[in-house]
Amino acid sequence: MTRVLPTIDEVHQLPIGLTIVVPSGYEDTNGHMNIRHYFDLHALNLNTVFDGLGIDDHYRAERKMGFFTMEHHLSYWDEVLVGHELSLRWRHLTRSDKVLHSMSFLVDETTGRLANTLEVTCGHVSLETRKMVSMPDDTSAFVDKQFGQTSGLTWAAPICGAMGVRKRS
């Protein structure tokens, strides 16, 4: 499967979750940002998205529910160097009553290039039974509102093709 990357102008249509200037402590022995920091930044970005959905410490404590990552796929598109300014953006792709399929986009604003993506599926779970459960109606409404922020985009997300919301037969 050949993936077509969105242009930087297309990625800039996405909501920003966070921004950061790459600190020197992120540099590896090859002189660019170490791979572990890509995942950490995407995780922080997605935490920001979940907080925006109301899936936060209060939600987990009061409702005894949350989201578990089920699968993820990192793709590296361009090198990131110390001192570069990054923005992390997000896009929801599909959902069911229990599963979200989303992407986080790491943009190197210094070079004007898409540097990395994280595609992820997350399952809504009971923190008591540790099993997947349907999202409550109000949570589903918040998710749908966030989906609406990126639903009108005309460009395809560069998905890996091996994951997503599976249909039950």
N, C-alpha and C. Protein backbone atom coordinates (compact mmCIF):
# COMPACT_ATOMS: atom_id res chain seq x y z
N MET A 1 0.85 -1.18 0.00
CA MET A 1 0.00 0.00 0.00
C MET A 1 0.89 1.24 0.00
N THR A 2 0.71 2.09 -0.98
CA THR A 2 1.45 3.34 -1.05
C THR A 2 0.66 4.41 -0.32
N ARG A 3 1.33 5.08 0.61
CA ARG A 3 0.66 6.15 1.34
C ARG A 3 1.07 7.49 0.76
N VAL A 4 0.08 8.35 0.59
CA VAL A 4 0.33 9.70 0.12
C VAL A 4 0.26 10.62 1.33
N LEU A 5 1.33 11.37 1.55
CA LEU A 5 1.35 12.27 2.70
C LEU A 5 0.59 13.55 2.38
N PRO A 6 -0.11 14.07 3.38
CA PRO A 6 -0.77 15.36 3.18
C PRO A 6 0.27 16.47 3.08
N THR A 7 -0.11 17.56 2.44
CA THR A 7 0.77 18.72 2.39
C THR A 7 0.81 19.36 3.78
N ILE A 8 1.78 20.21 4.00
CA ILE A 8 1.87 20.90 5.28
C ILE A 8 0.66 21.81 5.47
N ASP A 9 0.16 22.41 4.40
CA ASP A 9 -1.05 23.24 4.51
C ASP A 9 -2.25 22.41 4.92
N GLU A 10 -2.33 21.18 4.42
CA GLU A 10 -3.43 20.30 4.82
C GLU A 10 -3.30 19.92 6.30
N VAL A 11 -2.10 19.55 6.73
CA VAL A 11 -1.90 19.17 8.14
C VAL A 11 -2.20 20.36 9.06
N HIS A 12 -1.88 21.56 8.60
CA HIS A 12 -2.15 22.75 9.41
C HIS A 12 -3.64 23.02 9.60
N GLN A 13 -4.51 22.30 8.88
CA GLN A 13 -5.96 22.39 9.09
C GLN A 13 -6.39 21.68 10.36
N LEU A 14 -5.52 20.83 10.91
CA LEU A 14 -5.85 20.03 12.08
C LEU A 14 -5.66 20.83 13.36
N PRO A 15 -6.46 20.50 14.39
CA PRO A 15 -6.28 21.16 15.69
C PRO A 15 -4.92 20.83 16.30
N ILE A 16 -4.34 21.82 16.98
CA ILE A 16 -3.06 21.63 17.66
C ILE A 16 -3.32 21.09 19.07
N GLY A 17 -2.60 20.04 19.42
CA GLY A 17 -2.66 19.51 20.77
C GLY A 17 -1.59 20.11 21.66
N LEU A 18 -0.37 20.25 21.11
CA LEU A 18 0.72 20.85 21.87
C LEU A 18 1.82 21.30 20.93
N THR A 19 2.69 22.16 21.47
CA THR A 19 3.87 22.61 20.74
C THR A 19 5.07 22.47 21.68
N ILE A 20 6.25 22.32 21.08
CA ILE A 20 7.47 22.17 21.86
C ILE A 20 8.67 22.53 20.98
N VAL A 21 9.70 23.06 21.58
CA VAL A 21 11.00 23.22 20.93
C VAL A 21 11.85 22.06 21.43
N VAL A 22 12.46 21.31 20.51
CA VAL A 22 13.19 20.10 20.86
C VAL A 22 14.41 20.46 21.72
N PRO A 23 14.43 19.98 22.98
CA PRO A 23 15.56 20.28 23.86
C PRO A 23 16.78 19.41 23.53
N SER A 24 17.94 19.84 23.98
CA SER A 24 19.19 19.11 23.69
C SER A 24 19.17 17.70 24.27
N GLY A 25 18.44 17.50 25.37
CA GLY A 25 18.36 16.18 25.99
C GLY A 25 17.65 15.14 25.14
N TYR A 26 16.99 15.55 24.08
CA TYR A 26 16.30 14.63 23.18
C TYR A 26 17.21 14.08 22.08
N GLU A 27 18.41 14.63 21.95
CA GLU A 27 19.31 14.24 20.86
C GLU A 27 19.92 12.86 21.12
N ASP A 28 20.03 12.08 20.06
CA ASP A 28 20.67 10.77 20.17
C ASP A 28 22.07 10.81 19.56
N THR A 29 22.71 9.66 19.46
CA THR A 29 24.10 9.60 18.97
C THR A 29 24.20 9.88 17.47
N ASN A 30 23.06 9.92 16.76
CA ASN A 30 23.07 10.24 15.33
C ASN A 30 22.86 11.73 15.07
N GLY A 31 22.68 12.50 16.14
CA GLY A 31 22.54 13.94 15.99
C GLY A 31 21.13 14.43 15.70
N HIS A 32 20.14 13.55 15.86
CA HIS A 32 18.75 13.98 15.71
C HIS A 32 17.93 13.49 16.91
N MET A 33 16.64 13.80 16.93
CA MET A 33 15.79 13.44 18.05
C MET A 33 15.69 11.92 18.15
N ASN A 34 15.91 11.40 19.35
CA ASN A 34 15.85 9.96 19.62
C ASN A 34 14.43 9.46 19.42
N ILE A 35 14.29 8.24 18.92
CA ILE A 35 12.99 7.67 18.59
C ILE A 35 12.02 7.62 19.77
N ARG A 36 12.52 7.43 20.98
CA ARG A 36 11.61 7.31 22.12
C ARG A 36 10.81 8.58 22.35
N HIS A 37 11.36 9.73 21.95
CA HIS A 37 10.68 11.00 22.19
C HIS A 37 9.53 11.22 21.22
N TYR A 38 9.57 10.61 20.05
CA TYR A 38 8.44 10.71 19.12
C TYR A 38 7.20 10.12 19.79
N PHE A 39 7.34 8.91 20.31
CA PHE A 39 6.19 8.26 20.93
C PHE A 39 5.72 9.05 22.16
N ASP A 40 6.65 9.51 22.98
CA ASP A 40 6.27 10.28 24.17
C ASP A 40 5.49 11.53 23.80
N LEU A 41 5.94 12.24 22.76
CA LEU A 41 5.23 13.46 22.35
C LEU A 41 3.84 13.14 21.81
N HIS A 42 3.72 12.06 21.05
CA HIS A 42 2.40 11.65 20.56
C HIS A 42 1.49 11.27 21.74
N ALA A 43 2.03 10.57 22.72
CA ALA A 43 1.24 10.19 23.89
C ALA A 43 0.74 11.44 24.63
N LEU A 44 1.59 12.42 24.80
CA LEU A 44 1.17 13.68 25.43
C LEU A 44 0.09 14.37 24.60
N ASN A 45 0.26 14.35 23.28
CA ASN A 45 -0.74 14.96 22.40
C ASN A 45 -2.09 14.27 22.56
N LEU A 46 -2.08 12.94 22.53
CA LEU A 46 -3.35 12.21 22.66
C LEU A 46 -3.96 12.38 24.04
N ASN A 47 -3.12 12.50 25.08
CA ASN A 47 -3.66 12.80 26.41
C ASN A 47 -4.39 14.13 26.42
N THR A 48 -3.85 15.11 25.70
CA THR A 48 -4.52 16.41 25.57
C THR A 48 -5.87 16.25 24.89
N VAL A 49 -5.91 15.42 23.85
CA VAL A 49 -7.16 15.16 23.14
C VAL A 49 -8.17 14.50 24.07
N PHE A 50 -7.74 13.47 24.81
CA PHE A 50 -8.65 12.79 25.73
C PHE A 50 -9.12 13.72 26.84
N ASP A 51 -8.24 14.56 27.35
CA ASP A 51 -8.67 15.55 28.34
C ASP A 51 -9.76 16.44 27.77
N GLY A 52 -9.62 16.82 26.49
CA GLY A 52 -10.63 17.63 25.82
C GLY A 52 -11.97 16.92 25.67
N LEU A 53 -11.92 15.60 25.67
CA LEU A 53 -13.14 14.79 25.62
C LEU A 53 -13.75 14.60 27.01
N GLY A 54 -13.05 15.06 28.03
CA GLY A 54 -13.51 14.81 29.39
C GLY A 54 -13.06 13.47 29.92
N ILE A 55 -12.19 12.78 29.18
CA ILE A 55 -11.65 11.50 29.63
C ILE A 55 -10.37 11.83 30.41
N ASP A 56 -10.55 12.23 31.65
CA ASP A 56 -9.45 12.70 32.48
C ASP A 56 -9.46 11.95 33.81
N ASP A 57 -8.67 12.41 34.76
CA ASP A 57 -8.59 11.73 36.05
C ASP A 57 -9.96 11.66 36.74
N HIS A 58 -10.75 12.72 36.62
CA HIS A 58 -12.09 12.74 37.22
C HIS A 58 -12.98 11.67 36.58
N TYR A 59 -12.95 11.56 35.26
CA TYR A 59 -13.73 10.56 34.53
C TYR A 59 -13.36 9.16 35.00
N ARG A 60 -12.05 8.91 35.06
CA ARG A 60 -11.60 7.58 35.48
C ARG A 60 -11.97 7.28 36.93
N ALA A 61 -11.86 8.28 37.81
CA ALA A 61 -12.17 8.07 39.23
C ALA A 61 -13.67 7.91 39.46
N GLU A 62 -14.46 8.77 38.83
CA GLU A 62 -15.91 8.77 39.07
C GLU A 62 -16.64 7.66 38.32
N ARG A 63 -16.30 7.49 37.07
CA ARG A 63 -17.02 6.53 36.23
C ARG A 63 -16.36 5.15 36.19
N LYS A 64 -15.12 5.11 36.64
CA LYS A 64 -14.37 3.84 36.62
C LYS A 64 -14.27 3.30 35.19
N MET A 65 -14.06 4.24 34.24
CA MET A 65 -13.89 3.88 32.84
C MET A 65 -12.74 4.73 32.26
N GLY A 66 -12.21 4.26 31.15
CA GLY A 66 -11.15 4.99 30.46
C GLY A 66 -10.89 4.34 29.12
N PHE A 67 -9.79 4.72 28.49
CA PHE A 67 -9.41 4.14 27.20
C PHE A 67 -8.06 3.45 27.33
N PHE A 68 -7.94 2.29 26.73
CA PHE A 68 -6.68 1.58 26.63
C PHE A 68 -6.25 1.59 25.16
N THR A 69 -4.97 1.80 24.93
CA THR A 69 -4.44 1.67 23.57
C THR A 69 -4.47 0.19 23.19
N MET A 70 -5.02 -0.09 22.02
CA MET A 70 -5.11 -1.47 21.55
C MET A 70 -4.03 -1.79 20.51
N GLU A 71 -3.73 -0.78 19.70
CA GLU A 71 -2.75 -0.99 18.63
C GLU A 71 -2.24 0.39 18.22
N HIS A 72 -0.98 0.45 17.83
CA HIS A 72 -0.47 1.70 17.28
C HIS A 72 0.59 1.43 16.23
N HIS A 73 0.77 2.44 15.38
CA HIS A 73 1.73 2.33 14.29
C HIS A 73 2.41 3.68 14.12
N LEU A 74 3.73 3.71 14.30
CA LEU A 74 4.54 4.92 14.10
C LEU A 74 5.16 4.91 12.71
N SER A 75 5.12 6.05 12.05
CA SER A 75 5.78 6.19 10.75
C SER A 75 6.68 7.42 10.81
N TYR A 76 7.90 7.26 10.33
CA TYR A 76 8.87 8.35 10.32
C TYR A 76 9.01 8.86 8.89
N TRP A 77 8.78 10.16 8.72
CA TRP A 77 8.78 10.76 7.39
C TRP A 77 9.96 11.71 7.17
N ASP A 78 10.45 12.33 8.24
CA ASP A 78 11.54 13.29 8.11
C ASP A 78 12.27 13.41 9.44
N GLU A 79 13.52 13.79 9.38
CA GLU A 79 14.36 13.93 10.55
C GLU A 79 13.98 15.19 11.35
N VAL A 80 14.10 15.09 12.68
CA VAL A 80 13.87 16.23 13.57
C VAL A 80 15.15 16.49 14.35
N LEU A 81 15.55 17.76 14.41
CA LEU A 81 16.79 18.14 15.07
C LEU A 81 16.53 18.97 16.33
N VAL A 82 17.51 18.96 17.23
CA VAL A 82 17.45 19.78 18.44
C VAL A 82 17.26 21.24 18.04
N GLY A 83 16.41 21.93 18.79
CA GLY A 83 16.14 23.34 18.54
C GLY A 83 14.99 23.58 17.58
N HIS A 84 14.52 22.54 16.89
CA HIS A 84 13.41 22.71 15.97
C HIS A 84 12.10 22.88 16.74
N GLU A 85 11.23 23.71 16.20
CA GLU A 85 9.91 23.92 16.78
C GLU A 85 8.94 22.89 16.18
N LEU A 86 8.24 22.17 17.06
CA LEU A 86 7.30 21.14 16.64
C LEU A 86 5.89 21.51 17.05
N SER A 87 4.93 21.09 16.23
CA SER A 87 3.53 21.12 16.66
C SER A 87 3.00 19.71 16.49
N LEU A 88 2.13 19.33 17.42
CA LEU A 88 1.47 18.04 17.34
C LEU A 88 -0.01 18.29 17.16
N ARG A 89 -0.56 17.65 16.17
CA ARG A 89 -1.95 17.85 15.77
C ARG A 89 -2.64 16.50 15.75
N TRP A 90 -3.95 16.50 15.72
CA TRP A 90 -4.67 15.23 15.79
C TRP A 90 -5.84 15.22 14.83
N ARG A 91 -6.24 13.99 14.50
CA ARG A 91 -7.41 13.77 13.64
C ARG A 91 -8.05 12.45 14.04
N HIS A 92 -9.34 12.51 14.31
CA HIS A 92 -10.10 11.28 14.52
C HIS A 92 -10.51 10.74 13.15
N LEU A 93 -10.45 9.42 13.00
CA LEU A 93 -10.74 8.81 11.71
C LEU A 93 -12.09 8.10 11.70
N THR A 94 -12.28 7.15 12.59
CA THR A 94 -13.54 6.41 12.69
C THR A 94 -13.76 6.03 14.15
N ARG A 95 -14.96 5.60 14.43
CA ARG A 95 -15.25 5.11 15.77
C ARG A 95 -16.41 4.13 15.75
N SER A 96 -16.48 3.35 16.80
CA SER A 96 -17.65 2.53 17.08
C SER A 96 -18.11 2.92 18.48
N ASP A 97 -18.99 2.16 19.06
CA ASP A 97 -19.44 2.50 20.42
C ASP A 97 -18.37 2.21 21.46
N LYS A 98 -17.31 1.44 21.07
CA LYS A 98 -16.26 1.07 22.03
C LYS A 98 -14.84 1.44 21.58
N VAL A 99 -14.64 1.75 20.32
CA VAL A 99 -13.29 1.91 19.78
C VAL A 99 -13.15 3.23 19.02
N LEU A 100 -12.02 3.90 19.24
CA LEU A 100 -11.65 5.09 18.48
C LEU A 100 -10.43 4.78 17.62
N HIS A 101 -10.43 5.26 16.40
CA HIS A 101 -9.29 5.14 15.49
C HIS A 101 -8.88 6.57 15.16
N SER A 102 -7.67 6.95 15.58
CA SER A 102 -7.22 8.34 15.45
C SER A 102 -5.77 8.39 15.00
N MET A 103 -5.34 9.61 14.63
CA MET A 103 -3.94 9.83 14.27
C MET A 103 -3.43 11.09 14.94
N SER A 104 -2.15 11.05 15.28
CA SER A 104 -1.43 12.20 15.78
C SER A 104 -0.35 12.53 14.75
N PHE A 105 -0.21 13.80 14.43
CA PHE A 105 0.72 14.27 13.40
C PHE A 105 1.78 15.15 14.06
N LEU A 106 3.05 14.81 13.90
CA LEU A 106 4.15 15.60 14.43
C LEU A 106 4.73 16.41 13.27
N VAL A 107 4.56 17.73 13.36
CA VAL A 107 4.99 18.63 12.30
C VAL A 107 6.24 19.38 12.75
N ASP A 108 7.28 19.35 11.93
CA ASP A 108 8.47 20.15 12.18
C ASP A 108 8.20 21.52 11.56
N GLU A 109 7.84 22.47 12.41
CA GLU A 109 7.50 23.81 11.93
C GLU A 109 8.73 24.55 11.43
N THR A 110 9.91 24.15 11.89
CA THR A 110 11.16 24.79 11.45
C THR A 110 11.43 24.47 9.98
N THR A 111 11.19 23.23 9.58
CA THR A 111 11.43 22.83 8.19
C THR A 111 10.17 22.90 7.34
N GLY A 112 9.00 22.98 8.00
CA GLY A 112 7.74 22.99 7.26
C GLY A 112 7.39 21.64 6.69
N ARG A 113 7.75 20.56 7.43
CA ARG A 113 7.49 19.21 6.94
C ARG A 113 6.79 18.36 7.99
N LEU A 114 6.00 17.42 7.51
CA LEU A 114 5.44 16.39 8.37
C LEU A 114 6.57 15.42 8.69
N ALA A 115 6.90 15.29 9.97
CA ALA A 115 8.04 14.47 10.36
C ALA A 115 7.66 13.06 10.77
N ASN A 116 6.46 12.90 11.33
CA ASN A 116 6.14 11.61 11.95
C ASN A 116 4.63 11.55 12.19
N THR A 117 4.08 10.34 12.15
CA THR A 117 2.68 10.14 12.50
C THR A 117 2.56 8.94 13.44
N LEU A 118 1.55 9.00 14.28
CA LEU A 118 1.16 7.87 15.12
C LEU A 118 -0.30 7.58 14.83
N GLU A 119 -0.57 6.40 14.35
CA GLU A 119 -1.93 5.93 14.14
C GLU A 119 -2.26 5.01 15.31
N VAL A 120 -3.44 5.16 15.88
CA VAL A 120 -3.76 4.43 17.10
C VAL A 120 -5.22 4.02 17.14
N THR A 121 -5.48 2.85 17.70
CA THR A 121 -6.84 2.47 18.07
C THR A 121 -6.87 2.33 19.58
N CYS A 122 -7.93 2.88 20.17
CA CYS A 122 -8.10 2.86 21.62
C CYS A 122 -9.48 2.29 21.94
N GLY A 123 -9.53 1.41 22.93
CA GLY A 123 -10.79 0.82 23.34
C GLY A 123 -11.28 1.41 24.66
N HIS A 124 -12.58 1.69 24.73
CA HIS A 124 -13.19 2.21 25.96
C HIS A 124 -13.42 1.02 26.90
N VAL A 125 -12.91 1.13 28.12
CA VAL A 125 -12.92 -0.01 29.04
C VAL A 125 -13.49 0.37 30.40
N SER A 126 -13.99 -0.66 31.07
CA SER A 126 -14.30 -0.56 32.49
C SER A 126 -12.99 -0.78 33.24
N LEU A 127 -12.66 0.15 34.13
CA LEU A 127 -11.44 -0.01 34.91
C LEU A 127 -11.62 -1.02 36.05
N GLU A 128 -12.85 -1.46 36.28
CA GLU A 128 -13.11 -2.48 37.29
C GLU A 128 -13.00 -3.88 36.69
N THR A 129 -13.63 -4.11 35.54
CA THR A 129 -13.59 -5.44 34.92
C THR A 129 -12.43 -5.61 33.95
N ARG A 130 -11.84 -4.48 33.53
CA ARG A 130 -10.74 -4.46 32.56
C ARG A 130 -11.19 -5.01 31.21
N LYS A 131 -12.45 -4.86 30.91
CA LYS A 131 -13.02 -5.30 29.62
C LYS A 131 -13.62 -4.09 28.90
N MET A 132 -13.71 -4.22 27.58
CA MET A 132 -14.28 -3.13 26.80
C MET A 132 -15.77 -2.99 27.07
N VAL A 133 -16.19 -1.73 27.15
CA VAL A 133 -17.59 -1.39 27.34
C VAL A 133 -17.94 -0.22 26.43
N SER A 134 -19.21 -0.08 26.12
CA SER A 134 -19.65 1.04 25.29
C SER A 134 -19.43 2.36 26.02
N MET A 135 -19.15 3.40 25.24
CA MET A 135 -19.03 4.73 25.82
C MET A 135 -20.41 5.22 26.25
N PRO A 136 -20.50 5.90 27.39
CA PRO A 136 -21.77 6.51 27.77
C PRO A 136 -22.21 7.53 26.72
N ASP A 137 -23.51 7.81 26.68
CA ASP A 137 -24.06 8.72 25.67
C ASP A 137 -23.38 10.08 25.67
N ASP A 138 -23.11 10.64 26.86
CA ASP A 138 -22.49 11.97 26.88
C ASP A 138 -21.05 11.92 26.37
N THR A 139 -20.34 10.85 26.65
CA THR A 139 -18.98 10.69 26.12
C THR A 139 -19.02 10.54 24.61
N SER A 140 -19.95 9.75 24.11
CA SER A 140 -20.11 9.60 22.66
C SER A 140 -20.40 10.94 22.00
N ALA A 141 -21.21 11.77 22.65
CA ALA A 141 -21.53 13.09 22.11
C ALA A 141 -20.29 13.98 22.04
N PHE A 142 -19.44 13.93 23.07
CA PHE A 142 -18.19 14.69 23.05
C PHE A 142 -17.27 14.19 21.93
N VAL A 143 -17.19 12.87 21.79
CA VAL A 143 -16.36 12.28 20.73
C VAL A 143 -16.87 12.74 19.36
N ASP A 144 -18.18 12.68 19.16
CA ASP A 144 -18.74 13.09 17.88
C ASP A 144 -18.48 14.57 17.60
N LYS A 145 -18.51 15.38 18.66
CA LYS A 145 -18.22 16.81 18.49
C LYS A 145 -16.78 17.00 18.03
N GLN A 146 -15.84 16.25 18.64
CA GLN A 146 -14.45 16.34 18.21
C GLN A 146 -14.26 15.79 16.80
N PHE A 147 -14.96 14.72 16.46
CA PHE A 147 -14.89 14.18 15.10
C PHE A 147 -15.33 15.25 14.11
N GLY A 148 -16.32 16.03 14.50
CA GLY A 148 -16.84 17.08 13.63
C GLY A 148 -15.81 18.14 13.30
N GLN A 149 -14.81 18.32 14.16
CA GLN A 149 -13.78 19.32 13.91
C GLN A 149 -12.91 18.97 12.71
N THR A 150 -12.83 17.71 12.35
CA THR A 150 -11.97 17.31 11.23
C THR A 150 -12.74 16.51 10.17
N SER A 151 -14.05 16.40 10.30
CA SER A 151 -14.81 15.55 9.38
C SER A 151 -14.93 16.12 7.97
N GLY A 152 -14.78 17.42 7.81
CA GLY A 152 -14.93 18.03 6.49
C GLY A 152 -13.66 18.07 5.67
N LEU A 153 -12.60 17.49 6.16
CA LEU A 153 -11.34 17.52 5.41
C LEU A 153 -11.44 16.69 4.13
N THR A 154 -10.81 17.17 3.09
CA THR A 154 -10.90 16.49 1.79
C THR A 154 -9.71 15.60 1.49
N TRP A 155 -8.73 15.57 2.38
CA TRP A 155 -7.54 14.75 2.15
C TRP A 155 -7.56 13.50 3.02
N ALA A 156 -7.01 12.45 2.48
CA ALA A 156 -6.98 11.16 3.18
C ALA A 156 -5.82 11.14 4.18
N ALA A 157 -6.09 10.61 5.34
CA ALA A 157 -5.02 10.42 6.33
C ALA A 157 -4.10 9.30 5.84
N PRO A 158 -2.80 9.40 6.10
CA PRO A 158 -1.85 8.38 5.63
C PRO A 158 -1.84 7.15 6.55
N ILE A 159 -2.96 6.44 6.56
CA ILE A 159 -3.08 5.28 7.45
C ILE A 159 -2.22 4.12 6.95
N CYS A 160 -1.87 3.24 7.89
CA CYS A 160 -1.02 2.09 7.52
C CYS A 160 -1.81 1.01 6.80
N GLY A 161 -3.13 0.96 7.00
CA GLY A 161 -3.95 -0.03 6.32
C GLY A 161 -4.10 -1.34 7.05
N ALA A 162 -3.41 -1.48 8.20
CA ALA A 162 -3.44 -2.75 8.92
C ALA A 162 -4.27 -2.67 10.19
N MET A 163 -4.87 -1.52 10.46
CA MET A 163 -5.61 -1.38 11.71
C MET A 163 -6.78 -0.43 11.51
N GLY A 164 -7.64 -0.38 12.50
CA GLY A 164 -8.80 0.50 12.45
C GLY A 164 -9.92 -0.09 13.28
N VAL A 165 -11.12 0.44 13.10
CA VAL A 165 -12.30 -0.09 13.78
C VAL A 165 -12.81 -1.26 12.96
N ARG A 166 -12.81 -2.43 13.57
CA ARG A 166 -13.23 -3.63 12.87
C ARG A 166 -14.73 -3.80 12.95
N LYS A 167 -15.31 -4.22 11.84
CA LYS A 167 -16.74 -4.48 11.78
C LYS A 167 -17.01 -5.89 12.29
N ARG A 168 -18.06 -5.99 13.11
CA ARG A 168 -18.46 -7.33 13.57
C ARG A 168 -19.33 -7.97 12.52
N SER A 169 -19.11 -9.27 12.32
CA SER A 169 -19.93 -9.98 11.31
C SER A 169 -21.06 -10.74 11.95
